[in-house]
Amino acid sequence: MTALTLSTAGAATLRADALVVGVAKGVKGPVLAPGSEAVDKAFDGKLAAVLATLGATGAEGELTKLPAASGLKAPVVVAVGLGPVPDKEDAYDAEALRRAAGTAARALSGSKKAGFALPAGSVEDAAAVAEGALLGSYAFTAYQGGENKLAPKDAKSKDSGPKQPLAEVVLLGGKPRDKAYKAAVERALALVEEINRARDLINTPPNDLYPESFAAVATAAGKEHGVKVQVLDEKALVKGGYGGLLGVGQGSTNGPRLVKLAYTHPKAEKTLALVGKGITYDSGGISLKPAGHNETMKCDMSGAAAVFAAVITAARLGLKVNVTGWLALAENMPSGNATRPGDVLRMYSGKTVEVLNTDAEGRLVLADALTRASEEKPDAIVDVATLTGAMVLALGNRTFGIMANDDAFRTSVHEIAEEVGEASWPMPLPADLRKGMDSPTADMANMGERMGGGLVAGLFLKEFVGEGIAWAHLDIAGPAYHEGAPYGYTPKGGTGSAVRTLVRLAERTADGDLG
């Protein structure tokens, strides 16, 4: 994990591999952002003109490297675009700062130390820069850089392994002795460490991450951070009647698990339950996915990873709220033991479900976990899942959908997601779509109308939420796993989508503002 420090040192005197400054897009060319004054002075006040000569405009995501002027201890200056100049000079959007810091951090991979002289005049700005820089520094290298046993033993390998992330971020312009600044940076560090742990889990190959090993990771983290962890194995699931989890997992040699993580605070007045879909690999089961759709299905546990990360973050931050996480873990495989289309499962709730498509498995494991979570009568439940391709078709690859049984709660979750920089959109649960899940054999089917499939999945889940409990469903199928080139603070692979939203929701709940 990249180190993060607040420093009172001036940008000109900081000894580092590079200095990062912000540039906004003005009407007549690039405009330097607050924080860059000392660097501009070293360029005799001509840094903006030099950047313009090099083709910089200040557009979001743009990055320009140039040799440092004499008078600066760092040898390189990195100018990163912030987008349009804000109406007020010091009112840069937090998400623009996050993305700019992330862009710079990615460009500085392999470096030991960089000073970030981006706008940090407020605690909120400093926190955004810290989050972006730490998120952008992420790299998943656990399976790279292995020893080449065929190479001569006395030969020096030209390949020194994968490039390591930026080792240290020095946040300039903050106030190290100010309690608010210190708290903001400490929060950013804890939050991003857990987001990056979620990213690691998502990126881990399914031969190493399966329900039992995921449960072991959760158990170890719980012990470290004072979170109680309970793991229900196959025998316990059979005894408890968890037909959804068992039905999905029965085709694999790696049995399913239901993991409960419970963080409690002695002064908590509210309880928040989080439920995560944890399909550690999704082949589609007997309803096998077509070629080209299997390669990234290790990411189908991204919802469980997000819930896990959020609970541990709440514990690390000591939030005055009880947060319970439920990880519904299974591997969906085809075999002679696998659930068949046409089979009927008796769920933990007692309802029977006819399985028309074994690739609509996420809703089955979530249903059991939602029912179990509801038994504890929390004040609200939020489930997170890479649930439907239909949601990706509706909202694209960067936006997750939000459905709920309470309009005010859905609005609150949406506002929180936008506040922390996670693109989302409220979606309806049309009652007329429920009829499509009627079954002549069972209480309901796990499939309904094809059109509006993401909404149908939400309606299915709604059936398993306890009466009178506010509930929201986040379908993160689009943003959970990024297959394109990295951008901003978003890496290729697992993103840790929804963790920031869940943590902020927990913070608001602790403050008595559940929504």
Protein backbone atom coordinates (compact mmCIF):
# COMPACT_ATOMS: atom_id res chain seq x y z
CA MET A 1 0.00 0.00 0.00
CA THR A 2 1.29 3.46 -0.92
CA ALA A 3 2.33 5.59 2.07
CA LEU A 4 0.55 8.92 2.60
CA THR A 5 1.80 11.91 4.56
CA LEU A 6 0.68 15.49 5.10
CA SER A 7 3.52 17.99 4.84
CA THR A 8 4.05 21.66 5.57
CA ALA A 9 7.08 21.66 3.27
CA GLY A 10 6.98 24.03 0.35
CA ALA A 11 6.76 22.52 -3.11
CA ALA A 12 10.03 24.16 -4.07
CA THR A 13 12.00 22.61 -1.22
CA LEU A 14 10.49 19.11 -1.22
CA ARG A 15 12.95 16.42 -2.24
CA ALA A 16 10.95 14.01 -4.36
CA ASP A 17 10.96 12.29 -7.73
CA ALA A 18 8.22 14.59 -9.01
CA LEU A 19 5.86 17.43 -8.14
CA VAL A 20 2.23 17.26 -9.24
CA VAL A 21 0.30 20.44 -10.00
CA GLY A 22 -3.22 21.02 -11.26
CA VAL A 23 -4.17 22.78 -14.48
CA ALA A 24 -7.69 23.80 -15.39
CA LYS A 25 -9.12 24.47 -18.83
CA GLY A 26 -9.63 28.18 -19.30
CA VAL A 27 -11.15 30.16 -22.17
CA LYS A 28 -7.73 31.33 -23.35
CA GLY A 29 -5.68 28.30 -22.40
CA PRO A 30 -4.51 26.38 -19.34
CA VAL A 31 -4.99 28.01 -15.95
CA LEU A 32 -2.90 26.95 -12.95
CA ALA A 33 -4.87 25.69 -9.98
CA PRO A 34 -4.25 26.70 -6.35
CA GLY A 35 -1.28 24.86 -4.88
CA SER A 36 0.97 25.46 -7.85
CA GLU A 37 2.20 28.93 -6.83
CA ALA A 38 5.70 27.90 -5.69
CA VAL A 39 6.24 25.79 -8.79
CA ASP A 40 5.05 28.61 -11.04
CA LYS A 41 7.42 31.00 -9.29
CA ALA A 42 10.34 28.70 -10.14
CA PHE A 43 9.30 29.05 -13.79
CA ASP A 44 9.32 32.85 -13.42
CA GLY A 45 5.54 32.89 -13.55
CA LYS A 46 5.48 31.30 -17.00
CA LEU A 47 4.47 27.72 -16.17
CA ALA A 48 1.03 28.08 -17.79
CA ALA A 49 2.62 29.47 -20.96
CA VAL A 50 5.16 26.64 -21.07
CA LEU A 51 2.39 24.07 -20.66
CA ALA A 52 0.36 25.70 -23.43
CA THR A 53 3.42 25.51 -25.70
CA LEU A 54 3.62 21.80 -24.96
CA GLY A 55 -0.02 21.39 -26.00
CA ALA A 56 -1.61 21.21 -22.55
CA THR A 57 -5.17 22.56 -22.27
CA GLY A 58 -6.19 21.57 -18.75
CA ALA A 59 -8.80 19.07 -19.96
CA GLU A 60 -9.77 16.36 -17.51
CA GLY A 61 -7.47 13.34 -17.69
CA GLU A 62 -4.74 15.22 -19.55
CA LEU A 63 -1.20 14.79 -18.22
CA THR A 64 1.97 16.67 -19.15
CA LYS A 65 5.46 15.95 -17.83
CA LEU A 66 8.25 18.51 -18.08
CA PRO A 67 11.70 19.02 -16.58
CA ALA A 68 11.65 21.08 -13.41
CA ALA A 69 13.03 24.60 -13.39
CA SER A 70 16.09 25.49 -11.34
CA GLY A 71 15.12 26.21 -7.77
CA LEU A 72 12.99 23.08 -7.44
CA LYS A 73 14.43 20.09 -5.60
CA ALA A 74 12.30 17.63 -7.60
CA PRO A 75 13.57 16.92 -11.13
CA VAL A 76 10.16 16.56 -12.81
CA VAL A 77 6.90 18.50 -12.80
CA VAL A 78 3.68 16.66 -13.66
CA ALA A 79 0.76 18.85 -14.69
CA VAL A 80 -2.59 17.11 -14.60
CA GLY A 81 -5.86 18.37 -16.05
CA LEU A 82 -8.78 19.25 -13.78
CA GLY A 83 -11.31 20.13 -16.44
CA PRO A 84 -13.09 23.52 -16.78
CA VAL A 85 -12.14 26.37 -14.47
CA PRO A 86 -14.78 26.48 -11.69
CA ASP A 87 -16.94 29.55 -11.09
CA LYS A 88 -15.06 30.14 -7.86
CA GLU A 89 -11.29 29.76 -7.86
CA ASP A 90 -11.21 27.45 -4.86
CA ALA A 91 -14.36 25.45 -5.69
CA TYR A 92 -12.87 22.53 -7.59
CA ASP A 93 -15.14 19.50 -7.73
CA ALA A 94 -14.02 16.74 -5.36
CA GLU A 95 -14.36 14.08 -8.03
CA ALA A 96 -12.24 16.13 -10.45
CA LEU A 97 -9.53 16.29 -7.77
CA ARG A 98 -9.78 12.53 -7.15
CA ARG A 99 -9.44 11.72 -10.82
CA ALA A 100 -6.59 14.14 -11.37
CA ALA A 101 -4.65 12.78 -8.41
CA GLY A 102 -5.31 9.24 -9.62
CA THR A 103 -4.12 10.05 -13.13
CA ALA A 104 -0.89 11.50 -11.76
CA ALA A 105 -0.30 8.61 -9.38
CA ARG A 106 -0.69 6.07 -12.18
CA ALA A 107 1.76 7.99 -14.35
CA LEU A 108 4.31 7.94 -11.52
CA SER A 109 4.31 4.19 -10.95
CA GLY A 110 7.84 3.03 -10.25
CA SER A 111 8.68 6.27 -8.43
CA LYS A 112 9.59 6.37 -4.75
CA LYS A 113 8.10 9.72 -3.75
CA ALA A 114 5.92 12.44 -5.25
CA GLY A 115 4.64 15.71 -3.87
CA PHE A 116 1.03 16.53 -4.73
CA ALA A 117 0.54 20.30 -4.90
CA LEU A 118 -3.08 20.09 -5.98
CA PRO A 119 -5.80 22.25 -4.39
CA ALA A 120 -5.98 21.32 -0.70
CA GLY A 121 -7.30 24.49 0.88
CA SER A 122 -10.17 22.68 2.55
CA VAL A 123 -10.41 19.40 4.43
CA GLU A 124 -12.73 18.06 1.70
CA ASP A 125 -10.22 18.91 -1.05
CA ALA A 126 -7.35 17.32 0.86
CA ALA A 127 -9.39 14.16 1.40
CA ALA A 128 -10.30 13.97 -2.30
CA VAL A 129 -6.67 14.33 -3.39
CA ALA A 130 -5.57 11.73 -0.86
CA GLU A 131 -8.24 9.25 -1.98
CA GLY A 132 -7.49 9.76 -5.65
CA ALA A 133 -3.74 9.43 -5.28
CA LEU A 134 -4.01 6.27 -3.19
CA LEU A 135 -6.63 4.70 -5.46
CA GLY A 136 -4.59 5.58 -8.54
CA SER A 137 -1.46 4.01 -7.07
CA TYR A 138 -3.06 0.57 -6.97
CA ALA A 139 -1.48 -2.33 -8.85
CA PHE A 140 -2.27 -6.04 -8.73
CA THR A 141 1.07 -7.82 -9.09
CA ALA A 142 0.62 -10.94 -6.94
CA TYR A 143 0.90 -13.28 -9.91
CA GLN A 144 3.64 -11.47 -11.83
CA GLY A 145 7.42 -11.51 -11.71
CA GLY A 146 7.89 -15.22 -11.10
CA GLU A 147 11.31 -16.82 -11.42
CA ASN A 148 12.23 -18.07 -14.91
CA LYS A 149 13.55 -21.56 -14.20
CA LEU A 150 14.69 -21.98 -17.81
CA ALA A 151 17.06 -19.02 -17.66
CA PRO A 152 20.77 -19.70 -16.94
CA LYS A 153 21.39 -19.47 -13.22
CA ASP A 154 24.26 -17.02 -13.66
CA ALA A 155 22.36 -14.81 -16.09
CA LYS A 156 20.80 -11.55 -14.96
CA SER A 157 17.18 -11.37 -15.98
CA LYS A 158 16.28 -8.37 -18.09
CA ASP A 159 12.80 -8.57 -16.67
CA SER A 160 12.98 -7.22 -13.12
CA GLY A 161 9.29 -7.93 -12.56
CA PRO A 162 6.22 -5.72 -12.70
CA LYS A 163 6.54 -1.98 -12.13
CA GLN A 164 5.63 -1.20 -8.55
CA PRO A 165 3.13 1.52 -7.64
CA LEU A 166 4.19 4.94 -6.42
CA ALA A 167 5.68 4.28 -2.98
CA GLU A 168 4.87 7.54 -1.16
CA VAL A 169 2.40 10.37 -1.66
CA VAL A 170 3.22 13.65 0.09
CA LEU A 171 0.16 15.86 0.31
CA LEU A 172 1.25 19.51 0.19
CA GLY A 173 -0.87 22.44 1.25
CA GLY A 174 -2.62 20.56 4.04
CA LYS A 175 -2.30 21.20 7.76
CA PRO A 176 -0.59 18.25 9.51
CA ARG A 177 -1.34 19.62 12.98
CA ASP A 178 -4.99 20.32 12.25
CA LYS A 179 -7.18 17.55 13.74
CA ALA A 180 -9.70 17.75 10.89
CA TYR A 181 -7.00 17.37 8.23
CA LYS A 182 -5.38 14.50 10.10
CA ALA A 183 -8.71 12.73 10.51
CA ALA A 184 -9.55 13.19 6.83
CA VAL A 185 -6.23 11.71 5.72
CA GLU A 186 -6.50 8.81 8.17
CA ARG A 187 -10.02 8.10 6.90
CA ALA A 188 -8.81 8.17 3.30
CA LEU A 189 -6.00 5.77 4.13
CA ALA A 190 -8.28 3.26 5.88
CA LEU A 191 -10.96 3.52 3.20
CA VAL A 192 -8.58 3.04 0.28
CA GLU A 193 -6.71 0.19 1.95
CA GLU A 194 -9.99 -1.70 2.17
CA ILE A 195 -11.08 -0.74 -1.36
CA ASN A 196 -7.75 -2.05 -2.61
CA ARG A 197 -8.23 -5.24 -0.60
CA ALA A 198 -11.59 -5.64 -2.37
CA ARG A 199 -9.85 -5.05 -5.70
CA ASP A 200 -7.31 -7.73 -4.85
CA LEU A 201 -10.08 -10.21 -4.09
CA ILE A 202 -11.87 -9.43 -7.35
CA ASN A 203 -8.66 -9.82 -9.34
CA THR A 204 -7.60 -13.07 -7.65
CA PRO A 205 -7.99 -16.07 -10.00
CA PRO A 206 -10.90 -18.36 -9.12
CA ASN A 207 -8.61 -21.35 -8.58
CA ASP A 208 -7.31 -19.47 -5.53
CA LEU A 209 -10.45 -17.57 -4.50
CA TYR A 210 -13.44 -19.82 -3.87
CA PRO A 211 -16.08 -19.73 -1.11
CA GLU A 212 -13.95 -21.41 1.55
CA SER A 213 -10.84 -19.30 0.90
CA PHE A 214 -12.89 -16.08 0.72
CA ALA A 215 -14.42 -16.99 4.09
CA ALA A 216 -10.91 -17.51 5.48
CA VAL A 217 -9.87 -14.01 4.34
CA ALA A 218 -12.94 -12.53 6.02
CA THR A 219 -12.25 -14.46 9.23
CA ALA A 220 -8.65 -13.24 9.40
CA ALA A 221 -9.66 -9.62 8.76
CA GLY A 222 -12.37 -9.87 11.41
CA LYS A 223 -9.87 -11.00 14.02
CA GLU A 224 -7.53 -8.16 13.09
CA HIS A 225 -10.15 -5.42 13.33
CA GLY A 226 -12.49 -6.64 16.07
CA VAL A 227 -15.31 -7.82 13.81
CA LYS A 228 -17.16 -10.99 14.77
CA VAL A 229 -17.23 -13.49 11.93
CA GLN A 230 -19.52 -16.53 11.60
CA VAL A 231 -19.15 -18.96 8.69
CA LEU A 232 -21.93 -21.36 7.74
CA ASP A 233 -20.47 -24.29 5.79
CA GLU A 234 -22.38 -26.82 3.71
CA LYS A 235 -23.57 -28.85 6.69
CA ALA A 236 -24.87 -25.72 8.43
CA LEU A 237 -26.54 -24.52 5.23
CA VAL A 238 -28.29 -27.87 4.81
CA LYS A 239 -29.40 -27.85 8.45
CA GLY A 240 -30.68 -24.28 8.11
CA GLY A 241 -32.51 -24.88 4.83
CA TYR A 242 -30.60 -22.42 2.66
CA GLY A 243 -31.91 -23.82 -0.62
CA GLY A 244 -30.78 -20.91 -2.78
CA LEU A 245 -27.12 -21.07 -1.76
CA LEU A 246 -27.07 -24.87 -1.85
CA GLY A 247 -28.82 -25.03 -5.22
CA VAL A 248 -26.34 -22.68 -6.87
CA GLY A 249 -23.29 -24.24 -5.24
CA GLN A 250 -24.11 -27.92 -5.59
CA GLY A 251 -22.53 -28.27 -9.03
CA SER A 252 -19.06 -27.37 -7.75
CA THR A 253 -16.50 -29.29 -5.73
CA ASN A 254 -16.00 -26.02 -3.83
CA GLY A 255 -19.01 -25.85 -1.54
CA PRO A 256 -20.97 -22.66 -0.75
CA ARG A 257 -20.64 -20.54 2.38
CA LEU A 258 -22.67 -17.84 4.10
CA VAL A 259 -20.41 -15.50 6.02
CA LYS A 260 -21.70 -13.05 8.62
CA LEU A 261 -19.47 -10.14 9.69
CA ALA A 262 -20.77 -8.13 12.63
CA TYR A 263 -19.27 -4.81 13.70
CA THR A 264 -20.95 -3.30 16.75
CA HIS A 265 -20.43 -0.05 18.61
CA PRO A 266 -21.53 0.34 22.25
CA LYS A 267 -23.14 3.72 21.52
CA ALA A 268 -24.82 2.73 18.26
CA GLU A 269 -28.51 3.54 17.89
CA LYS A 270 -29.00 2.14 14.38
CA THR A 271 -28.16 -1.08 12.56
CA LEU A 272 -27.31 -1.32 8.89
CA ALA A 273 -27.24 -4.69 7.11
CA LEU A 274 -25.22 -5.12 3.93
CA VAL A 275 -25.66 -8.16 1.68
CA GLY A 276 -23.20 -9.06 -1.09
CA LYS A 277 -23.40 -11.44 -4.01
CA GLY A 278 -20.31 -13.64 -3.85
CA ILE A 279 -20.24 -15.92 -6.89
CA THR A 280 -16.51 -16.60 -6.93
CA TYR A 281 -16.81 -17.96 -10.46
CA ASP A 282 -19.86 -17.99 -12.69
CA SER A 283 -19.85 -20.42 -15.60
CA GLY A 284 -23.61 -20.05 -15.92
CA GLY A 285 -24.10 -23.58 -14.63
CA ILE A 286 -26.09 -25.91 -16.91
CA SER A 287 -27.27 -22.75 -18.72
CA LEU A 288 -23.66 -22.33 -19.77
CA LYS A 289 -22.43 -18.90 -20.79
CA PRO A 290 -21.38 -18.62 -24.45
CA ALA A 291 -17.72 -18.33 -25.45
CA GLY A 292 -16.34 -14.88 -24.75
CA HIS A 293 -18.46 -14.35 -21.65
CA ASN A 294 -16.58 -16.56 -19.19
CA GLU A 295 -13.16 -14.95 -19.04
CA THR A 296 -13.94 -12.25 -16.48
CA MET A 297 -16.43 -14.16 -14.38
CA LYS A 298 -14.06 -14.23 -11.42
CA CYS A 299 -15.47 -10.73 -10.80
CA ASP A 300 -18.95 -12.04 -9.98
CA MET A 301 -18.14 -11.77 -6.27
CA SER A 302 -17.58 -8.01 -6.46
CA GLY A 303 -20.69 -7.31 -4.39
CA ALA A 304 -19.45 -9.50 -1.55
CA ALA A 305 -16.01 -7.87 -1.80
CA ALA A 306 -17.63 -4.44 -1.48
CA VAL A 307 -19.67 -5.48 1.56
CA PHE A 308 -16.64 -7.06 3.20
CA ALA A 309 -14.56 -3.93 2.63
CA ALA A 310 -17.31 -1.63 3.92
CA VAL A 311 -17.78 -3.54 7.19
CA ILE A 312 -14.04 -3.62 7.89
CA THR A 313 -13.75 0.10 7.06
CA ALA A 314 -16.61 0.91 9.45
CA ALA A 315 -14.75 -0.98 12.17
CA ARG A 316 -11.45 0.76 11.44
CA LEU A 317 -13.15 4.16 11.58
CA GLY A 318 -14.99 3.28 14.80
CA LEU A 319 -18.35 4.47 13.44
CA LYS A 320 -21.19 4.72 15.97
CA VAL A 321 -23.42 2.34 14.07
CA ASN A 322 -23.85 -1.42 14.00
CA VAL A 323 -22.95 -2.79 10.57
CA THR A 324 -23.58 -6.40 9.65
CA GLY A 325 -22.29 -7.85 6.41
CA TRP A 326 -23.61 -11.00 4.76
CA LEU A 327 -21.44 -12.62 2.10
CA ALA A 328 -23.42 -15.11 0.00
CA LEU A 329 -20.59 -17.21 -1.45
CA ALA A 330 -20.91 -19.95 -4.07
CA GLU A 331 -19.28 -21.20 -7.26
CA ASN A 332 -21.69 -21.74 -10.14
CA MET A 333 -20.49 -24.75 -12.14
CA PRO A 334 -22.00 -27.36 -14.47
CA SER A 335 -21.67 -30.99 -13.42
CA GLY A 336 -23.69 -34.13 -12.83
CA ASN A 337 -24.70 -32.64 -9.47
CA ALA A 338 -25.62 -29.19 -10.74
CA THR A 339 -29.09 -27.68 -10.50
CA ARG A 340 -30.98 -28.12 -13.79
CA PRO A 341 -33.38 -25.74 -15.52
CA GLY A 342 -36.76 -26.89 -14.29
CA ASP A 343 -35.61 -27.82 -10.80
CA VAL A 344 -37.44 -26.29 -7.84
CA LEU A 345 -35.53 -24.96 -4.84
CA ARG A 346 -36.98 -24.36 -1.41
CA MET A 347 -35.41 -21.12 -0.20
CA TYR A 348 -34.45 -20.20 3.35
CA SER A 349 -37.62 -18.10 3.54
CA GLY A 350 -39.74 -21.18 2.82
CA LYS A 351 -40.76 -19.99 -0.66
CA THR A 352 -40.22 -22.33 -3.58
CA VAL A 353 -38.50 -21.10 -6.75
CA GLU A 354 -38.52 -22.80 -10.14
CA VAL A 355 -35.12 -22.37 -11.74
CA LEU A 356 -35.70 -21.57 -15.41
CA ASN A 357 -32.13 -20.39 -16.01
CA THR A 358 -29.17 -21.45 -13.86
CA ASP A 359 -27.28 -18.35 -15.01
CA ALA A 360 -29.75 -16.24 -13.00
CA GLU A 361 -28.03 -17.54 -9.88
CA GLY A 362 -27.05 -14.36 -8.07
CA ARG A 363 -30.62 -13.58 -7.07
CA LEU A 364 -30.92 -17.09 -5.57
CA VAL A 365 -27.98 -16.73 -3.18
CA LEU A 366 -28.95 -13.15 -2.35
CA ALA A 367 -32.51 -14.20 -1.56
CA ASP A 368 -31.34 -16.52 1.22
CA ALA A 369 -28.99 -13.89 2.62
CA LEU A 370 -31.67 -11.16 2.48
CA THR A 371 -34.11 -13.33 4.40
CA ARG A 372 -31.48 -14.15 7.01
CA ALA A 373 -30.45 -10.49 7.33
CA SER A 374 -34.11 -9.47 7.72
CA GLU A 375 -34.54 -11.77 10.72
CA GLU A 376 -32.29 -9.47 12.76
CA LYS A 377 -34.61 -6.49 12.10
CA PRO A 378 -32.02 -3.95 10.94
CA ASP A 379 -33.05 -0.38 10.26
CA ALA A 380 -32.09 -0.78 6.60
CA ILE A 381 -30.67 -3.36 4.20
CA VAL A 382 -28.56 -2.66 1.14
CA ASP A 383 -27.54 -5.45 -1.20
CA VAL A 384 -24.77 -5.12 -3.76
CA ALA A 385 -24.38 -7.39 -6.77
CA THR A 386 -23.03 -7.79 -10.26
CA LEU A 387 -26.51 -9.02 -11.03
CA THR A 388 -27.61 -8.43 -14.61
CA GLY A 389 -26.25 -7.71 -18.05
CA ALA A 390 -29.50 -5.84 -18.60
CA MET A 391 -28.31 -3.13 -16.19
CA VAL A 392 -25.13 -2.70 -18.23
CA LEU A 393 -27.22 -2.31 -21.38
CA ALA A 394 -29.34 0.30 -19.62
CA LEU A 395 -26.64 2.36 -17.88
CA GLY A 396 -23.32 1.47 -19.49
CA ASN A 397 -20.05 0.35 -17.93
CA ARG A 398 -19.51 3.15 -15.42
CA THR A 399 -22.88 3.62 -13.70
CA PHE A 400 -24.68 1.34 -11.28
CA GLY A 401 -28.43 1.14 -10.84
CA ILE A 402 -30.28 1.70 -7.56
CA MET A 403 -33.64 0.10 -6.81
CA ALA A 404 -35.50 0.22 -3.51
CA ASN A 405 -38.77 -0.48 -1.73
CA ASP A 406 -38.76 3.09 -0.37
CA ASP A 407 -38.41 6.12 -2.65
CA ALA A 408 -36.87 8.33 0.03
CA PHE A 409 -34.26 5.71 0.87
CA ARG A 410 -33.43 5.23 -2.82
CA THR A 411 -32.99 8.98 -3.20
CA SER A 412 -30.74 9.10 -0.15
CA VAL A 413 -28.52 6.29 -1.44
CA HIS A 414 -28.32 7.96 -4.85
CA GLU A 415 -27.32 11.29 -3.33
CA ILE A 416 -24.66 9.59 -1.23
CA ALA A 417 -23.22 7.78 -4.25
CA GLU A 418 -23.02 11.02 -6.22
CA GLU A 419 -21.46 12.78 -3.22
CA VAL A 420 -18.58 10.30 -2.99
CA GLY A 421 -18.01 10.24 -6.74
CA GLU A 422 -19.65 6.94 -7.71
CA ALA A 423 -21.86 7.28 -10.78
CA SER A 424 -25.32 5.82 -10.16
CA TRP A 425 -28.90 6.18 -11.28
CA PRO A 426 -32.25 5.48 -9.55
CA MET A 427 -34.28 2.76 -11.27
CA PRO A 428 -37.96 1.79 -10.79
CA LEU A 429 -39.52 -1.51 -9.72
CA PRO A 430 -42.63 -1.65 -11.96
CA ALA A 431 -45.27 -3.86 -10.37
CA ASP A 432 -46.47 -5.12 -13.76
CA LEU A 433 -43.18 -6.96 -14.31
CA ARG A 434 -43.79 -9.19 -11.28
CA LYS A 435 -46.39 -11.32 -13.10
CA GLY A 436 -43.71 -12.57 -15.51
CA MET A 437 -42.15 -14.53 -12.64
CA ASP A 438 -45.30 -16.53 -11.93
CA SER A 439 -44.70 -20.27 -12.09
CA PRO A 440 -47.26 -23.07 -12.58
CA THR A 441 -45.05 -25.33 -10.45
CA ALA A 442 -43.59 -23.22 -7.65
CA ASP A 443 -44.32 -20.01 -5.76
CA MET A 444 -42.31 -18.11 -8.35
CA ALA A 445 -39.64 -18.51 -11.03
CA ASN A 446 -36.16 -17.02 -11.07
CA MET A 447 -36.79 -15.46 -14.49
CA GLY A 448 -39.42 -13.12 -15.88
CA GLU A 449 -39.78 -10.88 -18.90
CA ARG A 450 -36.58 -10.39 -20.90
CA MET A 451 -37.15 -6.68 -21.41
CA GLY A 452 -36.38 -4.82 -18.19
CA GLY A 453 -34.40 -7.81 -16.91
CA GLY A 454 -32.49 -5.72 -14.38
CA LEU A 455 -35.76 -4.52 -12.87
CA VAL A 456 -37.18 -8.05 -12.84
CA ALA A 457 -34.15 -9.16 -10.80
CA GLY A 458 -34.80 -6.33 -8.36
CA LEU A 459 -38.44 -7.38 -8.01
CA PHE A 460 -37.33 -10.95 -7.30
CA LEU A 461 -35.05 -9.77 -4.47
CA LYS A 462 -37.78 -7.54 -3.03
CA GLU A 463 -39.83 -10.68 -2.30
CA PHE A 464 -37.24 -11.76 0.28
CA VAL A 465 -36.90 -8.52 2.26
CA GLY A 466 -38.59 -8.45 5.66
CA GLU A 467 -41.76 -6.43 6.15
CA GLY A 468 -41.20 -2.81 7.18
CA ILE A 469 -37.45 -2.77 6.48
CA ALA A 470 -36.07 -0.09 4.15
CA TRP A 471 -34.11 -1.85 1.40
CA ALA A 472 -32.00 -0.80 -1.57
CA HIS A 473 -30.45 -2.92 -4.30
CA LEU A 474 -27.28 -1.78 -6.11
CA ASP A 475 -26.67 -3.54 -9.43
CA ILE A 476 -22.97 -2.86 -10.04
CA ALA A 477 -22.62 -5.15 -13.07
CA GLY A 478 -21.24 -2.28 -15.17
CA PRO A 479 -18.61 -0.53 -13.02
CA ALA A 480 -17.44 -3.48 -10.88
CA TYR A 481 -14.85 -4.70 -13.37
CA HIS A 482 -13.08 -2.47 -15.89
CA GLU A 483 -11.79 -4.20 -19.00
CA GLY A 484 -10.47 -1.14 -20.84
CA ALA A 485 -7.44 1.07 -20.30
CA PRO A 486 -7.08 2.63 -16.84
CA TYR A 487 -8.39 6.16 -16.37
CA GLY A 488 -8.32 8.57 -13.45
CA TYR A 489 -8.04 6.44 -10.33
CA THR A 490 -9.81 3.47 -12.00
CA PRO A 491 -7.49 0.55 -12.77
CA LYS A 492 -7.90 -2.26 -15.25
CA GLY A 493 -9.71 -5.13 -13.50
CA GLY A 494 -11.55 -4.94 -10.19
CA THR A 495 -12.57 -1.43 -9.16
CA GLY A 496 -14.06 -1.74 -5.67
CA SER A 497 -17.30 -0.18 -6.88
CA ALA A 498 -19.87 0.75 -4.19
CA VAL A 499 -17.47 0.60 -1.21
CA ARG A 500 -17.36 4.39 -0.88
CA THR A 501 -21.15 4.59 -1.10
CA LEU A 502 -21.64 1.95 1.60
CA VAL A 503 -19.12 3.55 3.94
CA ARG A 504 -20.66 7.01 3.58
CA LEU A 505 -24.09 5.48 4.16
CA ALA A 506 -22.77 3.95 7.37
CA GLU A 507 -21.34 7.32 8.42
CA ARG A 508 -24.65 9.06 7.78
CA THR A 509 -26.50 6.37 9.67
CA ALA A 510 -24.12 6.85 12.60
CA ASP A 511 -24.93 10.56 12.50
CA GLY A 512 -28.66 9.81 12.62
CA ASP A 513 -29.29 10.68 8.97
CA LEU A 514 -30.30 7.34 7.46
CA GLY A 515 -32.73 8.84 4.94
